[in-house]
């Protein structure tokens, strides 16, 4: 299983991402640059997510990103 919180921590260096229900977008922890970086890191490990098919709710929390990745994997 891919640990999204670890990947997000590498990108943001913010310990809040270790909490599954952390509001990533509302808090400003995750921005457009970090989302693109996340998509690149996921692609590096074999998970391709097409950015045009994404819903902002997919990136609302660590848990929502984890569900997205689990459904793609």
Protein backbone atom coordinates (compact mmCIF):
# COMPACT_ATOMS: atom_id res chain seq x y z
CA UNK A 1 0.00 0.00 0.00
CA UNK A 2 1.26 3.45 -0.91
CA UNK A 3 1.50 5.82 2.06
CA UNK A 4 0.24 9.15 0.74
CA UNK A 5 0.97 10.97 3.99
CA UNK A 6 4.68 10.12 3.66
CA UNK A 7 4.77 11.38 0.08
CA UNK A 8 2.92 14.56 1.06
CA UNK A 9 5.33 15.11 3.94
CA UNK A 10 8.27 14.83 1.51
CA UNK A 11 6.63 17.45 -0.70
CA UNK A 12 5.37 19.88 1.95
CA UNK A 13 7.63 19.22 4.96
CA UNK A 14 4.54 19.88 7.09
CA UNK A 15 3.66 17.42 9.87
CA UNK A 16 -0.05 18.25 9.56
CA UNK A 17 -0.18 15.98 6.49
CA UNK A 18 0.40 13.01 8.78
CA UNK A 19 -3.18 13.46 10.04
CA UNK A 20 -5.67 11.65 7.75
CA UNK A 21 -8.36 14.34 7.98
CA UNK A 22 -6.09 17.37 7.64
CA UNK A 23 -7.78 19.93 5.36
CA UNK A 24 -5.03 20.25 2.78
CA UNK A 25 -6.57 22.79 0.43
CA UNK A 26 -8.38 24.98 2.96
CA UNK A 27 -5.28 25.23 5.12
CA UNK A 28 -3.07 26.10 2.16
CA UNK A 29 -0.77 23.15 2.78
CA UNK A 30 -1.50 21.84 -0.70
CA UNK A 31 -1.34 24.25 -3.63
CA UNK A 32 -1.26 23.79 -7.39
CA UNK A 33 2.51 23.28 -7.45
CA UNK A 34 2.42 20.62 -4.72
CA UNK A 35 -0.46 18.83 -6.47
CA UNK A 36 1.57 18.64 -9.70
CA UNK A 37 4.58 17.44 -7.68
CA UNK A 38 2.41 14.77 -6.04
CA UNK A 39 1.08 13.60 -9.42
CA UNK A 40 4.68 13.35 -10.67
CA UNK A 41 5.78 11.30 -7.67
CA UNK A 42 2.81 8.98 -8.09
CA UNK A 43 3.62 8.56 -11.76
CA UNK A 44 7.21 7.66 -10.79
CA UNK A 45 5.84 4.69 -8.83
CA UNK A 46 3.47 3.60 -11.58
CA UNK A 47 0.22 5.40 -10.76
CA UNK A 48 -0.97 7.74 -13.48
CA UNK A 49 -3.74 10.16 -12.65
CA UNK A 50 -4.93 12.40 -15.49
CA UNK A 51 -5.12 15.95 -14.07
CA UNK A 52 -8.08 16.96 -16.24
CA UNK A 53 -10.23 14.22 -14.72
CA UNK A 54 -9.66 15.32 -11.13
CA UNK A 55 -12.13 16.86 -8.77
CA UNK A 56 -10.86 19.33 -6.12
CA UNK A 57 -12.54 17.12 -3.51
CA UNK A 58 -10.01 14.40 -4.43
CA UNK A 59 -7.33 16.57 -2.79
CA UNK A 60 -9.31 17.87 0.17
CA UNK A 61 -7.69 15.60 2.78
CA UNK A 62 -4.94 13.01 3.02
CA UNK A 63 -7.68 10.41 3.34
CA UNK A 64 -9.38 11.52 0.11
CA UNK A 65 -6.08 11.37 -1.80
CA UNK A 66 -5.40 7.94 -0.33
CA UNK A 67 -8.82 6.71 -1.55
CA UNK A 68 -8.13 8.11 -5.02
CA UNK A 69 -4.77 6.37 -5.21
CA UNK A 70 -6.13 3.10 -3.81
CA UNK A 71 -8.88 3.13 -6.46
CA UNK A 72 -6.32 3.74 -9.22
CA UNK A 73 -3.86 1.10 -8.02
